[in-house]
Amino acid sequence: METPNNYVFIHGKNISHNTLAGSAAGPHMSIDKLFPALLECFGIILCGYIAGRADMITESHAKGLGNFVSKFALPALLFKNMVLLDFGDVIWAFLWSVLVAKVFV
């Protein structure tokens, strides 16, 4: 007998699905890829905080870095990821739930 939550490789991507809910439930996100990404993000934020507290980055450096990230790096990264995105792998229910949450906030 299979466990309710098992991991399956679909199109080379590791996603999980609930076998008890049937095929109508659709794929769910796997924590295997989400957790390392969250650790990376918070690790970078922690490194920036430590660098600021240790006066390794001055206020003018932080302002310049913020301008570079917001005007050049982030738009380029978003454009690249949107070009490479396979819309067949998108979990639309998750995106709609994020949109609804942002509207309420």
Protein backbone atom coordinates (compact mmCIF):
# COMPACT_ATOMS: atom_id res chain seq x y z
CA MET A 1 0.00 0.00 0.00
CA GLU A 2 1.30 3.48 -0.88
CA THR A 3 1.64 6.32 1.57
CA PRO A 4 -0.73 9.30 1.09
CA ASN A 5 2.09 11.70 0.22
CA ASN A 6 4.77 10.27 -2.02
CA TYR A 7 7.14 11.99 -4.42
CA VAL A 8 6.93 11.37 -8.14
CA PHE A 9 9.16 12.61 -10.95
CA ILE A 10 7.05 14.26 -13.64
CA HIS A 11 8.86 15.81 -16.62
CA GLY A 12 12.09 15.73 -14.63
CA LYS A 13 10.63 17.76 -11.76
CA ASN A 14 10.16 16.38 -8.26
CA ILE A 15 6.59 17.14 -7.22
CA SER A 16 4.33 15.39 -4.78
CA HIS A 17 0.73 14.40 -5.12
CA ASN A 18 -1.87 12.90 -2.85
CA THR A 19 -2.81 9.43 -4.10
CA LEU A 20 -5.92 9.31 -1.91
CA ALA A 21 -7.39 12.47 -3.45
CA GLY A 22 -7.04 11.10 -6.97
CA SER A 23 -5.88 12.83 -10.11
CA ALA A 24 -8.35 15.72 -9.68
CA ALA A 25 -6.31 17.17 -6.83
CA GLY A 26 -3.36 18.02 -9.09
CA PRO A 27 0.30 18.43 -8.13
CA HIS A 28 1.51 20.14 -4.96
CA MET A 29 4.80 21.88 -4.26
CA SER A 30 7.59 19.81 -2.80
CA ILE A 31 9.35 21.01 0.33
CA ASP A 32 12.56 19.50 -1.05
CA LYS A 33 13.14 22.56 -3.25
CA LEU A 34 11.38 25.22 -1.18
CA PHE A 35 13.35 24.75 2.04
CA PRO A 36 16.85 25.23 0.51
CA ALA A 37 15.64 28.32 -1.36
CA LEU A 38 14.27 29.82 1.86
CA LEU A 39 17.53 29.07 3.67
CA GLU A 40 19.49 30.80 0.91
CA CYS A 41 17.29 33.90 1.03
CA PHE A 42 17.43 34.27 4.80
CA GLY A 43 21.16 33.51 4.77
CA ILE A 44 21.80 36.37 2.34
CA ILE A 45 19.62 38.69 4.43
CA LEU A 46 21.54 37.69 7.58
CA CYS A 47 24.89 38.32 5.84
CA GLY A 48 23.72 41.79 4.79
CA TYR A 49 22.54 42.55 8.32
CA ILE A 50 25.85 41.45 9.81
CA ALA A 51 27.81 43.48 7.23
CA GLY A 52 25.74 46.57 8.07
CA ARG A 53 26.11 46.15 11.82
CA ALA A 54 29.88 45.62 11.47
CA ASP A 55 30.19 48.83 9.40
CA MET A 56 31.54 46.90 6.41
CA ILE A 57 28.89 48.60 4.25
CA THR A 58 28.33 52.32 4.68
CA GLU A 59 25.01 54.07 4.15
CA SER A 60 26.06 55.34 0.72
CA HIS A 61 27.16 51.83 -0.30
CA ALA A 62 23.80 50.43 0.79
CA LYS A 63 21.96 53.10 -1.20
CA GLY A 64 23.99 52.34 -4.34
CA LEU A 65 23.53 48.61 -3.91
CA GLY A 66 19.79 49.09 -3.46
CA ASN A 67 19.59 51.17 -6.65
CA PHE A 68 21.54 48.54 -8.61
CA VAL A 69 19.38 45.68 -7.37
CA SER A 70 16.05 47.44 -7.88
CA LYS A 71 16.80 49.03 -11.27
CA PHE A 72 19.06 46.46 -12.99
CA ALA A 73 19.54 43.08 -11.35
CA LEU A 74 15.99 42.24 -10.24
CA PRO A 75 14.24 43.22 -13.51
CA ALA A 76 16.82 41.23 -15.52
CA LEU A 77 16.37 38.20 -13.27
CA LEU A 78 12.57 38.38 -13.50
CA PHE A 79 12.69 38.74 -17.29
CA LYS A 80 15.04 35.75 -17.65
CA ASN A 81 12.86 33.54 -15.45
CA MET A 82 9.66 34.55 -17.25
CA VAL A 83 11.23 33.70 -20.61
CA LEU A 84 12.35 30.26 -19.37
CA LEU A 85 9.10 29.48 -17.52
CA ASP A 86 7.12 26.44 -18.69
CA PHE A 87 3.50 27.39 -17.98
CA GLY A 88 2.52 23.71 -17.94
CA ASP A 89 4.43 23.28 -14.67
CA VAL A 90 2.86 26.28 -12.93
CA ILE A 91 0.61 25.54 -9.96
CA TRP A 92 -2.10 28.10 -10.68
CA ALA A 93 -4.02 27.55 -7.43
CA PHE A 94 -0.94 28.62 -5.46
CA LEU A 95 -0.49 31.77 -7.56
CA TRP A 96 -4.17 32.68 -7.21
CA SER A 97 -3.98 32.19 -3.44
CA VAL A 98 -0.93 34.52 -3.28
CA LEU A 99 -2.81 37.11 -5.36
CA VAL A 100 -5.87 36.94 -3.10
CA ALA A 101 -3.68 37.22 0.02
CA LYS A 102 -1.87 40.27 -1.40
CA VAL A 103 -5.18 41.94 -2.31
CA PHE A 104 -6.45 41.47 1.25
CA VAL A 105 -3.24 42.82 2.75
